[in-house]
Amino acid sequence: MLSKFSLIVPLSNTQAINFQLLQASPLIINFAGDLKLGTEELVNNSKSMKNMEDIQDKIADRCVWMASSIHKGEEEVMLGVHRALTKKHANILVIIVPRHPHLGHEIALDLQKKG
C-alpha cells in the first residue's frame, strides 16, 4: 500500500523507521519538522490572527477540503475531484497548497480559466 505514496513526512526518526518497516521506500521519506513549532510566531501576530478569523467566518458554512503539497500538473486531478464533489456539495471549497509555493499564482490562474 505505501508503494503508492510519493512522499511521506514523519515527525521523527522512529516514525521514519516504522514506515520503512511497512515497506515504504526510504527515498520518499522526507522530514519537514513539526508544524506546531512553526505556528508560535503566527499565533502571537494579531494581524495574522485577525486574517485567519476573517477567513474562518467566510467559510464557516461551507464544506472544505484541501489538496496539500501537490506537484505541477496534479491540480488537473484536483479539479476533476472538485467538480465531482460539487455535484453532492454545491457550495464546497477546495484549498490547493502547491508543494512549491511560487507556483501558486500560476496554478490559480490556470484553474480560473478552466472554471
C-alpha atoms as a PDB file:
ATOM      1  CA  MET A   1       0.000   0.000   0.000  1.00  0.00           C
ATOM      2  CA  LEU A   2       2.732   2.504   0.867  1.00  0.00           C
ATOM      3  CA  SER A   3       4.283   1.963  -2.548  1.00  0.00           C
ATOM      4  CA  LYS A   4       1.525   4.230  -3.951  1.00  0.00           C
ATOM      5  CA  PHE A   5       2.796   7.213  -1.955  1.00  0.00           C
ATOM      6  CA  SER A   6       5.273   9.625  -3.496  1.00  0.00           C
ATOM      7  CA  LEU A   7       6.059  11.423  -0.225  1.00  0.00           C
ATOM      8  CA  ILE A   8       5.867  10.569   3.471  1.00  0.00           C
ATOM      9  CA  VAL A   9       6.728  13.263   6.029  1.00  0.00           C
ATOM     10  CA  PRO A  10       7.283  11.758   9.501  1.00  0.00           C
ATOM     11  CA  LEU A  11       7.981  13.838  12.590  1.00  0.00           C
ATOM     12  CA  SER A  12      10.726  11.621  13.955  1.00  0.00           C
ATOM     13  CA  ASN A  13      13.359   9.060  13.037  1.00  0.00           C
ATOM     14  CA  THR A  14      11.283   6.442  14.842  1.00  0.00           C
ATOM     15  CA  GLN A  15       8.309   7.162  12.606  1.00  0.00           C
ATOM     16  CA  ALA A  16      10.553   7.042   9.528  1.00  0.00           C
ATOM     17  CA  ILE A  17      11.868   3.631  10.567  1.00  0.00           C
ATOM     18  CA  ASN A  18       8.326   2.397  11.201  1.00  0.00           C
ATOM     19  CA  PHE A  19       7.264   3.497   7.715  1.00  0.00           C
ATOM     20  CA  GLN A  20      10.234   1.642   6.250  1.00  0.00           C
ATOM     21  CA  LEU A  21       9.267  -1.459   8.224  1.00  0.00           C
ATOM     22  CA  LEU A  22       5.900  -1.150   6.475  1.00  0.00           C
ATOM     23  CA  GLN A  23       7.760  -1.293   3.134  1.00  0.00           C
ATOM     24  CA  ALA A  24       7.896   2.465   2.427  1.00  0.00           C
ATOM     25  CA  SER A  25      10.874   3.344   0.277  1.00  0.00           C
ATOM     26  CA  PRO A  26      13.445   5.463   2.137  1.00  0.00           C
ATOM     27  CA  LEU A  27      13.607   7.649  -0.989  1.00  0.00           C
ATOM     28  CA  ILE A  28      10.102   9.011  -0.363  1.00  0.00           C
ATOM     29  CA  ILE A  29      10.636   9.786   3.327  1.00  0.00           C
ATOM     30  CA  ASN A  30      11.476  13.449   3.985  1.00  0.00           C
ATOM     31  CA  PHE A  31      11.488  15.451   7.189  1.00  0.00           C
ATOM     32  CA  ALA A  32       9.763  18.834   7.408  1.00  0.00           C
ATOM     33  CA  GLY A  33       9.765  19.409  11.142  1.00  0.00           C
ATOM     34  CA  ASP A  34       6.822  19.835  13.457  1.00  0.00           C
ATOM     35  CA  LEU A  35       4.326  22.358  12.094  1.00  0.00           C
ATOM     36  CA  LYS A  36       3.131  23.148  15.616  1.00  0.00           C
ATOM     37  CA  LEU A  37       6.531  24.669  16.355  1.00  0.00           C
ATOM     38  CA  GLY A  38       6.275  26.939  13.317  1.00  0.00           C
ATOM     39  CA  THR A  39       2.945  28.472  14.313  1.00  0.00           C
ATOM     40  CA  GLU A  40       4.002  30.196  17.527  1.00  0.00           C
ATOM     41  CA  GLU A  41       5.014  33.376  15.688  1.00  0.00           C
ATOM     42  CA  LEU A  42       1.732  33.353  13.782  1.00  0.00           C
ATOM     43  CA  VAL A  43      -0.337  32.959  16.949  1.00  0.00           C
ATOM     44  CA  ASN A  44       1.435  35.928  18.531  1.00  0.00           C
ATOM     45  CA  ASN A  45       0.758  38.144  15.497  1.00  0.00           C
ATOM     46  CA  SER A  46      -2.626  39.873  15.976  1.00  0.00           C
ATOM     47  CA  LYS A  47      -2.930  40.902  12.304  1.00  0.00           C
ATOM     48  CA  SER A  48      -2.415  37.312  11.167  1.00  0.00           C
ATOM     49  CA  MET A  49      -4.911  36.102  13.753  1.00  0.00           C
ATOM     50  CA  LYS A  50      -7.483  38.641  12.528  1.00  0.00           C
ATOM     51  CA  ASN A  51      -6.932  37.485   8.933  1.00  0.00           C
ATOM     52  CA  MET A  52      -7.425  33.848   9.962  1.00  0.00           C
ATOM     53  CA  GLU A  53     -10.591  34.713  11.880  1.00  0.00           C
ATOM     54  CA  ASP A  54     -11.945  36.594   8.844  1.00  0.00           C
ATOM     55  CA  ILE A  55     -11.291  33.576   6.636  1.00  0.00           C
ATOM     56  CA  GLN A  56     -12.920  31.245   9.168  1.00  0.00           C
ATOM     57  CA  ASP A  57     -16.017  33.473   9.228  1.00  0.00           C
ATOM     58  CA  LYS A  58     -16.235  33.476   5.429  1.00  0.00           C
ATOM     59  CA  ILE A  59     -16.040  29.696   5.082  1.00  0.00           C
ATOM     60  CA  ALA A  60     -17.847  28.647   8.273  1.00  0.00           C
ATOM     61  CA  ASP A  61     -20.958  27.394   6.443  1.00  0.00           C
ATOM     62  CA  ARG A  62     -19.127  25.611   3.641  1.00  0.00           C
ATOM     63  CA  CYS A  63     -17.728  22.136   3.213  1.00  0.00           C
ATOM     64  CA  VAL A  64     -13.967  22.472   2.767  1.00  0.00           C
ATOM     65  CA  TRP A  65     -11.353  20.037   1.521  1.00  0.00           C
ATOM     66  CA  MET A  66      -7.650  20.532   0.956  1.00  0.00           C
ATOM     67  CA  ALA A  67      -5.212  19.257  -1.630  1.00  0.00           C
ATOM     68  CA  SER A  68      -1.859  19.802   0.005  1.00  0.00           C
ATOM     69  CA  SER A  69       1.697  19.575  -1.266  1.00  0.00           C
ATOM     70  CA  ILE A  70       0.607  18.943  -4.841  1.00  0.00           C
ATOM     71  CA  HIS A  71       3.075  18.965  -7.705  1.00  0.00           C
ATOM     72  CA  LYS A  72       2.737  20.709 -11.063  1.00  0.00           C
ATOM     73  CA  GLY A  73       0.011  19.048 -13.094  1.00  0.00           C
ATOM     74  CA  GLU A  74      -1.760  17.438 -10.138  1.00  0.00           C
ATOM     75  CA  GLU A  75      -4.128  20.409  -9.970  1.00  0.00           C
ATOM     76  CA  GLU A  76      -5.871  18.919 -13.025  1.00  0.00           C
ATOM     77  CA  VAL A  77      -6.743  15.833 -10.980  1.00  0.00           C
ATOM     78  CA  MET A  78      -7.876  18.018  -8.076  1.00  0.00           C
ATOM     79  CA  LEU A  79     -10.115  19.994 -10.439  1.00  0.00           C
ATOM     80  CA  GLY A  80     -11.785  16.758 -11.530  1.00  0.00           C
ATOM     81  CA  VAL A  81     -12.263  15.678  -7.916  1.00  0.00           C
ATOM     82  CA  HIS A  82     -13.658  19.095  -7.026  1.00  0.00           C
ATOM     83  CA  ARG A  83     -16.135  19.028  -9.905  1.00  0.00           C
ATOM     84  CA  ALA A  84     -17.329  15.596  -8.786  1.00  0.00           C
ATOM     85  CA  LEU A  85     -17.723  16.807  -5.194  1.00  0.00           C
ATOM     86  CA  THR A  86     -19.744  19.872  -6.270  1.00  0.00           C
ATOM     87  CA  LYS A  87     -22.449  17.517  -7.531  1.00  0.00           C
ATOM     88  CA  LYS A  88     -23.093  16.467  -3.936  1.00  0.00           C
ATOM     89  CA  HIS A  89     -21.996  19.652  -2.131  1.00  0.00           C
ATOM     90  CA  ALA A  90     -22.778  22.697  -4.305  1.00  0.00           C
ATOM     91  CA  ASN A  91     -21.042  25.180  -2.004  1.00  0.00           C
ATOM     92  CA  ILE A  92     -17.848  23.161  -1.458  1.00  0.00           C
ATOM     93  CA  LEU A  93     -14.493  24.926  -1.311  1.00  0.00           C
ATOM     94  CA  VAL A  94     -11.131  23.468  -2.234  1.00  0.00           C
ATOM     95  CA  ILE A  95      -7.894  24.862  -0.831  1.00  0.00           C
ATOM     96  CA  ILE A  96      -4.944  23.942  -3.026  1.00  0.00           C
ATOM     97  CA  VAL A  97      -1.500  24.190  -1.476  1.00  0.00           C
ATOM     98  CA  PRO A  98       1.251  23.567  -4.030  1.00  0.00           C
ATOM     99  CA  ARG A  99       4.432  21.783  -2.987  1.00  0.00           C
ATOM    100  CA  HIS A 100       6.351  24.715  -4.478  1.00  0.00           C
ATOM    101  CA  PRO A 101       4.616  27.929  -3.297  1.00  0.00           C
ATOM    102  CA  HIS A 102       5.982  30.032  -6.159  1.00  0.00           C
ATOM    103  CA  LEU A 103       3.671  28.058  -8.492  1.00  0.00           C
ATOM    104  CA  GLY A 104       0.543  29.072  -6.559  1.00  0.00           C
ATOM    105  CA  HIS A 105      -0.332  32.112  -8.660  1.00  0.00           C
ATOM    106  CA  GLU A 106       0.178  30.225 -11.917  1.00  0.00           C
ATOM    107  CA  ILE A 107      -1.997  27.334 -10.710  1.00  0.00           C
ATOM    108  CA  ALA A 108      -4.733  29.742  -9.570  1.00  0.00           C
ATOM    109  CA  LEU A 109      -4.801  31.497 -12.948  1.00  0.00           C
ATOM    110  CA  ASP A 110      -4.886  28.199 -14.819  1.00  0.00           C
ATOM    111  CA  LEU A 111      -7.756  26.853 -12.716  1.00  0.00           C
ATOM    112  CA  GLN A 112      -9.711  30.113 -13.042  1.00  0.00           C
ATOM    113  CA  LYS A 113      -9.509  29.797 -16.835  1.00  0.00           C
ATOM    114  CA  LYS A 114     -10.908  26.275 -16.582  1.00  0.00           C
ATOM    115  CA  GLY A 115     -13.766  27.336 -14.322  1.00  0.00           C
END
